[in-house]
Amino acid sequence: MDIDRRDFLKLTAGSLVMDPRDAAYATKEMLKPKFAIPFHYGTFPVLRGTPQEYQAALGLTSTQIFPISPGDKLTF
């Protein structure tokens, strides 16, 4: 698969920079990528947001979400 960098988004969805709702807004209303990987969640107590909260805040979208856990790897 040939992926254009503008189609691929990694974004914080914990709460340090953006909480899941803010991350969902940026994804759906501003950036509109084809693929998104939420990160920076669950590794420290202050990072309470979850990928599930991010996906719920997104609602129906054409963006394909890849929720991963620390240490996981993805291949495209």
PDB file of N, CA and C in Angstrom:
ATOM      1  N   MET A   1       0.847  -1.167   0.000  1.00  0.00           N
ATOM      2  CA  MET A   1       0.000   0.000   0.000  1.00  0.00           C
ATOM      3  C   MET A   1       0.897   1.235   0.000  1.00  0.00           C
ATOM      4  N   ASP A   2       0.649   2.136  -0.898  1.00  0.00           N
ATOM      5  CA  ASP A   2       1.383   3.395  -0.968  1.00  0.00           C
ATOM      6  C   ASP A   2       0.612   4.451  -0.171  1.00  0.00           C
ATOM      7  N   ILE A   3       1.186   4.914   0.934  1.00  0.00           N
ATOM      8  CA  ILE A   3       0.492   5.856   1.807  1.00  0.00           C
ATOM      9  C   ILE A   3       1.116   7.238   1.691  1.00  0.00           C
ATOM     10  N   ASP A   4       0.302   8.202   1.380  1.00  0.00           N
ATOM     11  CA  ASP A   4       0.717   9.595   1.354  1.00  0.00           C
ATOM     12  C   ASP A   4       0.793  10.088   2.797  1.00  0.00           C
ATOM     13  N   ARG A   5       1.822  10.817   3.167  1.00  0.00           N
ATOM     14  CA  ARG A   5       1.982  11.284   4.546  1.00  0.00           C
ATOM     15  C   ARG A   5       0.793  12.114   5.026  1.00  0.00           C
ATOM     16  N   ARG A   6       0.100  12.785   4.146  1.00  0.00           N
ATOM     17  CA  ARG A   6      -1.067  13.574   4.539  1.00  0.00           C
ATOM     18  C   ARG A   6      -2.262  12.702   4.876  1.00  0.00           C
ATOM     19  N   ASP A   7      -2.198  11.440   4.514  1.00  0.00           N
ATOM     20  CA  ASP A   7      -3.297  10.525   4.785  1.00  0.00           C
ATOM     21  C   ASP A   7      -3.126   9.779   6.104  1.00  0.00           C
ATOM     22  N   PHE A   8      -1.981   9.943   6.739  1.00  0.00           N
ATOM     23  CA  PHE A   8      -1.633   9.172   7.920  1.00  0.00           C
ATOM     24  C   PHE A   8      -1.428  10.125   9.089  1.00  0.00           C
ATOM     25  N   LEU A   9      -2.108   9.879  10.203  1.00  0.00           N
ATOM     26  CA  LEU A   9      -2.043  10.782  11.353  1.00  0.00           C
ATOM     27  C   LEU A   9      -1.748  10.010  12.626  1.00  0.00           C
ATOM     28  N   LYS A  10      -0.739  10.462  13.364  1.00  0.00           N
ATOM     29  CA  LYS A  10      -0.502  10.004  14.729  1.00  0.00           C
ATOM     30  C   LYS A  10      -0.858  11.182  15.620  1.00  0.00           C
ATOM     31  N   LEU A  11      -1.683  10.962  16.625  1.00  0.00           N
ATOM     32  CA  LEU A  11      -2.059  12.080  17.479  1.00  0.00           C
ATOM     33  C   LEU A  11      -2.238  11.643  18.914  1.00  0.00           C
ATOM     34  N   THR A  12      -1.902  12.557  19.799  1.00  0.00           N
ATOM     35  CA  THR A  12      -2.068  12.292  21.218  1.00  0.00           C
ATOM     36  C   THR A  12      -3.553  12.252  21.545  1.00  0.00           C
ATOM     37  N   ALA A  13      -3.955  11.277  22.317  1.00  0.00           N
ATOM     38  CA  ALA A  13      -5.368  11.154  22.675  1.00  0.00           C
ATOM     39  C   ALA A  13      -5.511  10.841  24.160  1.00  0.00           C
ATOM     40  N   GLY A  14      -4.479  11.132  24.943  1.00  0.00           N
ATOM     41  CA  GLY A  14      -4.531  10.880  26.385  1.00  0.00           C
ATOM     42  C   GLY A  14      -5.179  12.034  27.102  1.00  0.00           C
ATOM     43  N   SER A  15      -4.415  13.032  27.458  1.00  0.00           N
ATOM     44  CA  SER A  15      -4.965  14.263  28.035  1.00  0.00           C
ATOM     45  C   SER A  15      -3.879  15.289  28.281  1.00  0.00           C
ATOM     46  N   LEU A  16      -2.633  14.938  28.033  1.00  0.00           N
ATOM     47  CA  LEU A  16      -1.541  15.873  28.270  1.00  0.00           C
ATOM     48  C   LEU A  16      -1.612  17.056  27.301  1.00  0.00           C
ATOM     49  N   VAL A  17      -1.820  16.787  26.038  1.00  0.00           N
ATOM     50  CA  VAL A  17      -1.941  17.833  25.021  1.00  0.00           C
ATOM     51  C   VAL A  17      -3.385  17.941  24.541  1.00  0.00           C
ATOM     52  N   MET A  18      -3.955  16.814  24.143  1.00  0.00           N
ATOM     53  CA  MET A  18      -5.353  16.763  23.703  1.00  0.00           C
ATOM     54  C   MET A  18      -6.034  15.588  24.390  1.00  0.00           C
ATOM     55  N   ASP A  19      -7.243  15.811  24.851  1.00  0.00           N
ATOM     56  CA  ASP A  19      -8.012  14.678  25.366  1.00  0.00           C
ATOM     57  C   ASP A  19      -8.684  13.993  24.177  1.00  0.00           C
ATOM     58  N   PRO A  20      -9.319  12.842  24.391  1.00  0.00           N
ATOM     59  CA  PRO A  20      -9.926  12.120  23.275  1.00  0.00           C
ATOM     60  C   PRO A  20     -10.922  12.953  22.462  1.00  0.00           C
ATOM     61  N   ARG A  21     -11.702  13.795  23.123  1.00  0.00           N
ATOM     62  CA  ARG A  21     -12.681  14.616  22.404  1.00  0.00           C
ATOM     63  C   ARG A  21     -11.994  15.636  21.501  1.00  0.00           C
ATOM     64  N   ASP A  22     -10.941  16.303  22.014  1.00  0.00           N
ATOM     65  CA  ASP A  22     -10.192  17.263  21.193  1.00  0.00           C
ATOM     66  C   ASP A  22      -9.498  16.564  20.027  1.00  0.00           C
ATOM     67  N   ALA A  23      -8.935  15.396  20.296  1.00  0.00           N
ATOM     68  CA  ALA A  23      -8.266  14.630  19.243  1.00  0.00           C
ATOM     69  C   ALA A  23      -9.255  14.215  18.161  1.00  0.00           C
ATOM     70  N   ALA A  24     -10.451  13.820  18.571  1.00  0.00           N
ATOM     71  CA  ALA A  24     -11.476  13.437  17.604  1.00  0.00           C
ATOM     72  C   ALA A  24     -11.895  14.628  16.757  1.00  0.00           C
ATOM     73  N   TYR A  25     -12.045  15.782  17.370  1.00  0.00           N
ATOM     74  CA  TYR A  25     -12.415  16.988  16.625  1.00  0.00           C
ATOM     75  C   TYR A  25     -11.337  17.321  15.584  1.00  0.00           C
ATOM     76  N   ALA A  26     -10.070  17.287  16.007  1.00  0.00           N
ATOM     77  CA  ALA A  26      -8.968  17.587  15.082  1.00  0.00           C
ATOM     78  C   ALA A  26      -8.944  16.589  13.930  1.00  0.00           C
ATOM     79  N   THR A  27      -9.196  15.330  14.231  1.00  0.00           N
ATOM     80  CA  THR A  27      -9.202  14.289  13.200  1.00  0.00           C
ATOM     81  C   THR A  27     -10.334  14.503  12.207  1.00  0.00           C
ATOM     82  N   LYS A  28     -11.540  14.656  12.728  1.00  0.00           N
ATOM     83  CA  LYS A  28     -12.730  14.655  11.873  1.00  0.00           C
ATOM     84  C   LYS A  28     -12.991  15.989  11.186  1.00  0.00           C
ATOM     85  N   GLU A  29     -12.754  17.085  11.880  1.00  0.00           N
ATOM     86  CA  GLU A  29     -13.124  18.394  11.354  1.00  0.00           C
ATOM     87  C   GLU A  29     -11.976  19.167  10.699  1.00  0.00           C
ATOM     88  N   MET A  30     -10.750  18.883  11.095  1.00  0.00           N
ATOM     89  CA  MET A  30      -9.631  19.687  10.602  1.00  0.00           C
ATOM     90  C   MET A  30      -8.693  18.912   9.673  1.00  0.00           C
ATOM     91  N   LEU A  31      -8.221  17.759  10.118  1.00  0.00           N
ATOM     92  CA  LEU A  31      -7.160  17.060   9.388  1.00  0.00           C
ATOM     93  C   LEU A  31      -7.692  16.041   8.378  1.00  0.00           C
ATOM     94  N   LYS A  32      -8.738  15.342   8.715  1.00  0.00           N
ATOM     95  CA  LYS A  32      -9.429  14.394   7.834  1.00  0.00           C
ATOM     96  C   LYS A  32      -8.500  13.374   7.153  1.00  0.00           C
ATOM     97  N   PRO A  33      -7.694  12.662   7.960  1.00  0.00           N
ATOM     98  CA  PRO A  33      -6.799  11.660   7.363  1.00  0.00           C
ATOM     99  C   PRO A  33      -7.560  10.386   6.995  1.00  0.00           C
ATOM    100  N   LYS A  34      -6.922   9.544   6.211  1.00  0.00           N
ATOM    101  CA  LYS A  34      -7.490   8.235   5.907  1.00  0.00           C
ATOM    102  C   LYS A  34      -7.236   7.271   7.067  1.00  0.00           C
ATOM    103  N   PHE A  35      -6.094   7.433   7.732  1.00  0.00           N
ATOM    104  CA  PHE A  35      -5.678   6.536   8.808  1.00  0.00           C
ATOM    105  C   PHE A  35      -5.236   7.360  10.015  1.00  0.00           C
ATOM    106  N   ALA A  36      -5.535   6.871  11.232  1.00  0.00           N
ATOM    107  CA  ALA A  36      -5.107   7.560  12.447  1.00  0.00           C
ATOM    108  C   ALA A  36      -4.695   6.553  13.513  1.00  0.00           C
ATOM    109  N   ILE A  37      -3.624   6.888  14.229  1.00  0.00           N
ATOM    110  CA  ILE A  37      -3.160   6.092  15.356  1.00  0.00           C
ATOM    111  C   ILE A  37      -3.148   6.990  16.580  1.00  0.00           C
ATOM    112  N   PRO A  38      -4.065   6.753  17.523  1.00  0.00           N
ATOM    113  CA  PRO A  38      -4.010   7.518  18.762  1.00  0.00           C
ATOM    114  C   PRO A  38      -2.877   6.993  19.648  1.00  0.00           C
ATOM    115  N   PHE A  39      -2.180   7.894  20.319  1.00  0.00           N
ATOM    116  CA  PHE A  39      -1.107   7.471  21.220  1.00  0.00           C
ATOM    117  C   PHE A  39      -1.029   8.427  22.402  1.00  0.00           C
ATOM    118  N   HIS A  40      -0.059   8.214  23.293  1.00  0.00           N
ATOM    119  CA  HIS A  40       0.087   8.977  24.539  1.00  0.00           C
ATOM    120  C   HIS A  40      -1.136   8.806  25.420  1.00  0.00           C
ATOM    121  N   TYR A  41      -1.445   7.592  25.757  1.00  0.00           N
ATOM    122  CA  TYR A  41      -2.538   7.315  26.679  1.00  0.00           C
ATOM    123  C   TYR A  41      -2.167   6.104  27.525  1.00  0.00           C
ATOM    124  N   GLY A  42      -2.574   6.116  28.778  1.00  0.00           N
ATOM    125  CA  GLY A  42      -2.441   4.951  29.636  1.00  0.00           C
ATOM    126  C   GLY A  42      -1.048   4.600  30.121  1.00  0.00           C
ATOM    127  N   THR A  43      -0.040   5.386  29.802  1.00  0.00           N
ATOM    128  CA  THR A  43       1.309   5.045  30.243  1.00  0.00           C
ATOM    129  C   THR A  43       1.695   5.754  31.540  1.00  0.00           C
ATOM    130  N   PHE A  44       1.004   6.830  31.899  1.00  0.00           N
ATOM    131  CA  PHE A  44       1.215   7.572  33.130  1.00  0.00           C
ATOM    132  C   PHE A  44      -0.155   7.935  33.687  1.00  0.00           C
ATOM    133  N   PRO A  45      -0.285   8.088  35.009  1.00  0.00           N
ATOM    134  CA  PRO A  45      -1.599   8.395  35.586  1.00  0.00           C
ATOM    135  C   PRO A  45      -2.294   9.610  34.972  1.00  0.00           C
ATOM    136  N   VAL A  46      -1.546  10.631  34.584  1.00  0.00           N
ATOM    137  CA  VAL A  46      -2.165  11.832  34.020  1.00  0.00           C
ATOM    138  C   VAL A  46      -2.763  11.596  32.633  1.00  0.00           C
ATOM    139  N   LEU A  47      -2.330  10.551  31.959  1.00  0.00           N
ATOM    140  CA  LEU A  47      -2.812  10.234  30.605  1.00  0.00           C
ATOM    141  C   LEU A  47      -3.974   9.252  30.702  1.00  0.00           C
ATOM    142  N   ARG A  48      -5.146   9.767  31.024  1.00  0.00           N
ATOM    143  CA  ARG A  48      -6.305   8.923  31.318  1.00  0.00           C
ATOM    144  C   ARG A  48      -7.166   8.591  30.113  1.00  0.00           C
ATOM    145  N   GLY A  49      -7.083   9.346  29.041  1.00  0.00           N
ATOM    146  CA  GLY A  49      -7.909   9.071  27.863  1.00  0.00           C
ATOM    147  C   GLY A  49      -7.590   7.706  27.283  1.00  0.00           C
ATOM    148  N   THR A  50      -8.546   7.150  26.562  1.00  0.00           N
ATOM    149  CA  THR A  50      -8.352   5.827  25.960  1.00  0.00           C
ATOM    150  C   THR A  50      -8.688   5.873  24.470  1.00  0.00           C
ATOM    151  N   PRO A  51      -8.177   4.922  23.702  1.00  0.00           N
ATOM    152  CA  PRO A  51      -8.546   4.840  22.290  1.00  0.00           C
ATOM    153  C   PRO A  51     -10.054   4.653  22.106  1.00  0.00           C
ATOM    154  N   GLN A  52     -10.690   3.951  23.032  1.00  0.00           N
ATOM    155  CA  GLN A  52     -12.126   3.740  22.933  1.00  0.00           C
ATOM    156  C   GLN A  52     -12.884   5.069  23.078  1.00  0.00           C
ATOM    157  N   GLU A  53     -12.424   5.939  23.979  1.00  0.00           N
ATOM    158  CA  GLU A  53     -13.046   7.260  24.129  1.00  0.00           C
ATOM    159  C   GLU A  53     -12.838   8.098  22.875  1.00  0.00           C
ATOM    160  N   TYR A  54     -11.654   7.987  22.295  1.00  0.00           N
ATOM    161  CA  TYR A  54     -11.346   8.695  21.042  1.00  0.00           C
ATOM    162  C   TYR A  54     -12.288   8.224  19.929  1.00  0.00           C
ATOM    163  N   GLN A  55     -12.427   6.907  19.780  1.00  0.00           N
ATOM    164  CA  GLN A  55     -13.292   6.362  18.733  1.00  0.00           C
ATOM    165  C   GLN A  55     -14.755   6.744  18.973  1.00  0.00           C
ATOM    166  N   ALA A  56     -15.182   6.733  20.222  1.00  0.00           N
ATOM    167  CA  ALA A  56     -16.563   7.123  20.533  1.00  0.00           C
ATOM    168  C   ALA A  56     -16.796   8.595  20.191  1.00  0.00           C
ATOM    169  N   ALA A  57     -15.813   9.444  20.484  1.00  0.00           N
ATOM    170  CA  ALA A  57     -15.937  10.872  20.185  1.00  0.00           C
ATOM    171  C   ALA A  57     -15.923  11.125  18.678  1.00  0.00           C
ATOM    172  N   LEU A  58     -15.235  10.278  17.932  1.00  0.00           N
ATOM    173  CA  LEU A  58     -15.203  10.413  16.474  1.00  0.00           C
ATOM    174  C   LEU A  58     -16.566  10.130  15.855  1.00  0.00           C
ATOM    175  N   GLY A  59     -17.264   9.170  16.394  1.00  0.00           N
ATOM    176  CA  GLY A  59     -18.530   8.773  15.793  1.00  0.00           C
ATOM    177  C   GLY A  59     -18.289   8.153  14.426  1.00  0.00           C
ATOM    178  N   LEU A  60     -19.240   8.308  13.530  1.00  0.00           N
ATOM    179  CA  LEU A  60     -19.093   7.765  12.183  1.00  0.00           C
ATOM    180  C   LEU A  60     -18.070   8.583  11.409  1.00  0.00           C
ATOM    181  N   THR A  61     -17.103   7.902  10.851  1.00  0.00           N
ATOM    182  CA  THR A  61     -16.044   8.570  10.099  1.00  0.00           C
ATOM    183  C   THR A  61     -15.471   7.610   9.068  1.00  0.00           C
ATOM    184  N   SER A  62     -14.905   8.160   8.027  1.00  0.00           N
ATOM    185  CA  SER A  62     -14.231   7.319   7.027  1.00  0.00           C
ATOM    186  C   SER A  62     -12.783   7.056   7.427  1.00  0.00           C
ATOM    187  N   THR A  63     -12.285   7.728   8.461  1.00  0.00           N
ATOM    188  CA  THR A  63     -10.918   7.512   8.936  1.00  0.00           C
ATOM    189  C   THR A  63     -10.816   6.143   9.584  1.00  0.00           C
ATOM    190  N   GLN A  64      -9.833   5.366   9.161  1.00  0.00           N
ATOM    191  CA  GLN A  64      -9.599   4.054   9.757  1.00  0.00           C
ATOM    192  C   GLN A  64      -8.690   4.249  10.961  1.00  0.00           C
ATOM    193  N   ILE A  65      -9.135   3.795  12.134  1.00  0.00           N
ATOM    194  CA  ILE A  65      -8.411   3.985  13.381  1.00  0.00           C
ATOM    195  C   ILE A  65      -7.662   2.711  13.744  1.00  0.00           C
ATOM    196  N   PHE A  66      -6.422   2.870  14.186  1.00  0.00           N
ATOM    197  CA  PHE A  66      -5.602   1.750  14.622  1.00  0.00           C
ATOM    198  C   PHE A  66      -5.224   1.962  16.086  1.00  0.00           C
ATOM    199  N   PRO A  67      -6.080   1.531  17.029  1.00  0.00           N
ATOM    200  CA  PRO A  67      -5.712   1.662  18.432  1.00  0.00           C
ATOM    201  C   PRO A  67      -4.620   0.642  18.756  1.00  0.00           C
ATOM    202  N   ILE A  68      -3.553   1.101  19.352  1.00  0.00           N
ATOM    203  CA  ILE A  68      -2.444   0.217  19.694  1.00  0.00           C
ATOM    204  C   ILE A  68      -2.094   0.394  21.164  1.00  0.00           C
ATOM    205  N   SER A  69      -1.416  -0.588  21.712  1.00  0.00           N
ATOM    206  CA  SER A  69      -0.912  -0.538  23.078  1.00  0.00           C
ATOM    207  C   SER A  69       0.588  -0.285  23.025  1.00  0.00           C
ATOM    208  N   PRO A  70       1.172   0.240  24.112  1.00  0.00           N
ATOM    209  CA  PRO A  70       2.624   0.454  24.116  1.00  0.00           C
ATOM    210  C   PRO A  70       3.373  -0.817  23.729  1.00  0.00           C
ATOM    211  N   GLY A  71       4.297  -0.667  22.809  1.00  0.00           N
ATOM    212  CA  GLY A  71       5.093  -1.801  22.320  1.00  0.00           C
ATOM    213  C   GLY A  71       4.529  -2.479  21.090  1.00  0.00           C
ATOM    214  N   ASP A  72       3.282  -2.216  20.744  1.00  0.00           N
ATOM    215  CA  ASP A  72       2.694  -2.816  19.545  1.00  0.00           C
ATOM    216  C   ASP A  72       3.358  -2.261  18.293  1.00  0.00           C
ATOM    217  N   LYS A  73       3.330  -3.039  17.223  1.00  0.00           N
ATOM    218  CA  LYS A  73       3.858  -2.609  15.944  1.00  0.00           C
ATOM    219  C   LYS A  73       2.782  -2.766  14.875  1.00  0.00           C
ATOM    220  N   LEU A  74       2.786  -1.854  13.926  1.00  0.00           N
ATOM    221  CA  LEU A  74       1.881  -1.935  12.775  1.00  0.00           C
ATOM    222  C   LEU A  74       2.711  -1.973  11.509  1.00  0.00           C
ATOM    223  N   THR A  75       2.210  -2.692  10.524  1.00  0.00           N
ATOM    224  CA  THR A  75       2.861  -2.739   9.223  1.00  0.00           C
ATOM    225  C   THR A  75       1.840  -2.330   8.171  1.00  0.00           C
ATOM    226  N   PHE A  76       2.249  -1.419   7.304  1.00  0.00           N
ATOM    227  CA  PHE A  76       1.373  -0.967   6.235  1.00  0.00           C
ATOM    228  C   PHE A  76       1.939  -1.384   4.903  1.00  0.00           C
TER     229      PHE A  76
END
